[in-house]
Protein backbone atom coordinates (compact mmCIF):
# COMPACT_ATOMS: atom_id res chain seq x y z
CA MET A 1 -71.19 -109.04 119.45
CA ALA A 2 -69.92 -110.20 115.93
CA SER A 3 -69.37 -113.90 116.51
CA ILE A 4 -69.68 -116.78 118.86
CA ILE A 5 -66.73 -119.15 118.80
CA LYS A 6 -66.81 -122.62 120.20
CA ALA A 7 -63.66 -124.35 121.38
CA SER A 8 -62.64 -127.65 122.87
CA ILE A 9 -59.28 -128.14 124.66
CA ASN A 10 -57.45 -131.20 125.77
CA LEU A 11 -56.62 -130.55 129.55
CA ASN A 12 -54.02 -133.26 129.49
CA GLU A 13 -51.91 -131.10 127.07
CA ILE A 14 -51.68 -128.05 129.16
CA PRO A 15 -48.09 -127.40 130.26
CA LYS A 16 -47.99 -126.80 133.99
CA ASP A 17 -45.01 -124.48 133.74
CA LYS A 18 -47.01 -122.09 131.38
CA ILE A 19 -49.63 -121.23 134.10
CA TYR A 20 -49.26 -118.16 135.88
CA VAL A 21 -50.96 -116.67 138.96
CA GLY A 22 -52.68 -113.39 138.52
CA LYS A 23 -54.80 -111.21 140.79
CA LYS A 24 -58.00 -113.26 140.33
CA GLY A 25 -56.69 -116.71 139.86
CA LYS A 26 -54.44 -118.99 137.75
CA TYR A 27 -54.23 -118.17 133.87
CA LEU A 28 -52.92 -119.95 130.85
CA PRO A 29 -52.04 -117.69 127.92
CA ILE A 30 -53.42 -119.21 124.73
CA THR A 31 -53.46 -118.29 121.03
CA ILE A 32 -56.67 -118.87 118.82
CA THR A 33 -56.03 -118.91 115.11
CA LEU A 34 -59.20 -118.58 112.57
CA ASN A 35 -58.21 -120.14 109.22
CA ASP A 36 -59.88 -119.12 106.00
CA GLU A 37 -60.85 -122.59 105.39
CA VAL A 38 -62.79 -125.20 107.38
CA ASP A 39 -61.02 -128.55 107.79
CA GLN A 40 -62.50 -132.00 107.23
CA PHE A 41 -63.99 -132.03 110.87
CA GLY A 42 -65.63 -128.68 110.52
CA ASN A 43 -62.99 -126.91 112.68
CA GLN A 44 -61.84 -123.28 111.64
CA GLY A 45 -58.61 -123.20 113.56
CA PRO A 46 -56.41 -124.31 116.52
CA VAL A 47 -56.19 -123.31 120.13
CA MET A 48 -52.45 -123.28 121.08
CA VAL A 49 -50.42 -122.35 124.17
CA GLU A 50 -48.97 -118.92 123.55
CA GLN A 51 -45.27 -118.92 122.59
CA SER A 52 -42.69 -116.30 123.94
CA LYS A 53 -40.69 -114.44 121.50
CA GLU A 54 -37.79 -116.52 122.40
CA GLU A 55 -39.80 -119.76 121.60
CA ARG A 56 -40.98 -118.33 118.33
CA GLU A 57 -37.45 -117.38 117.29
CA ALA A 58 -36.09 -120.77 118.22
CA LYS A 59 -38.92 -122.33 116.05
CA ALA A 60 -40.01 -124.42 119.19
CA ALA A 61 -42.83 -126.87 118.72
CA LYS A 62 -46.28 -125.55 119.37
CA VAL A 63 -48.44 -127.02 121.90
CA TYR A 64 -51.83 -127.64 120.47
CA LEU A 65 -54.72 -127.75 122.90
CA GLY A 66 -57.79 -128.15 120.78
CA ASN A 67 -59.84 -126.59 117.98
CA VAL A 68 -62.26 -123.75 117.38
CA LYS A 69 -65.22 -123.22 115.07
CA VAL A 70 -67.42 -120.23 114.56
CA VAL A 71 -71.04 -121.35 115.52
CA TRP A 72 -72.68 -117.88 114.94
CA THR A 73 -71.87 -114.63 113.29
CA ASN A 74 -73.83 -111.42 112.42
CA GLY A 75 -71.60 -111.49 109.11
CA ALA A 76 -69.60 -108.56 110.13
CA ASN A 77 -66.62 -110.62 111.29
CA VAL A 78 -66.15 -114.15 110.09
CA ALA A 79 -68.22 -116.79 108.34
CA ALA A 80 -69.80 -119.60 110.40
CA ALA A 81 -68.62 -123.18 109.96
CA PRO A 82 -71.17 -125.32 108.19
CA ARG A 83 -73.41 -127.36 110.51
CA ALA A 84 -73.54 -131.29 110.32
CA ASP A 85 -76.86 -131.04 108.21
CA GLY A 86 -74.98 -128.76 105.63
CA GLN A 87 -76.82 -125.46 106.60
CA GLN A 88 -74.95 -122.34 107.52
CA GLN A 89 -75.78 -121.03 110.93
CA ALA A 90 -75.52 -117.36 109.94
CA ARG A 91 -75.15 -115.53 106.77
CA PRO A 92 -71.73 -115.41 105.14
CA VAL A 93 -69.34 -112.59 105.38
CA GLN A 94 -70.08 -110.01 102.60
CA ALA A 95 -67.67 -107.59 101.33
CA SER A 96 -68.75 -104.05 100.91
CA VAL A 97 -68.57 -102.53 97.41
CA GLU A 98 -68.44 -98.76 97.14
CA GLU A 99 -70.42 -97.49 94.27
CA PRO A 100 -68.96 -94.58 92.19
CA ASP A 101 -70.83 -91.41 92.80
CA ASP A 102 -71.36 -90.69 88.87
CA LEU A 103 -73.86 -93.61 88.41
CA PRO A 104 -76.93 -92.30 86.69
CA PHE A 105 -79.21 -94.00 89.12
């Protein structure tokens, strides 16, 4: 597991026409976006109702359901949002740097 992401959604915003019935229950297709920057509330991205190709092409308004934040990561995926006390919950993502083979050490 590379990350734990916490999300909250507003159930009142779920469009009933987007819910479909599958083999094991009722489903709502959603899209979660992780932004590079944390917003003023510590969130790292939105949770939205998934749009069809036609809706995207028509530039239809997106239905925002809530927000997400990374609360734990092993550092191999994304950086965790800072906690309220200003501490990081996991180490930040580190880029790997390949060293040239011709180094003398």
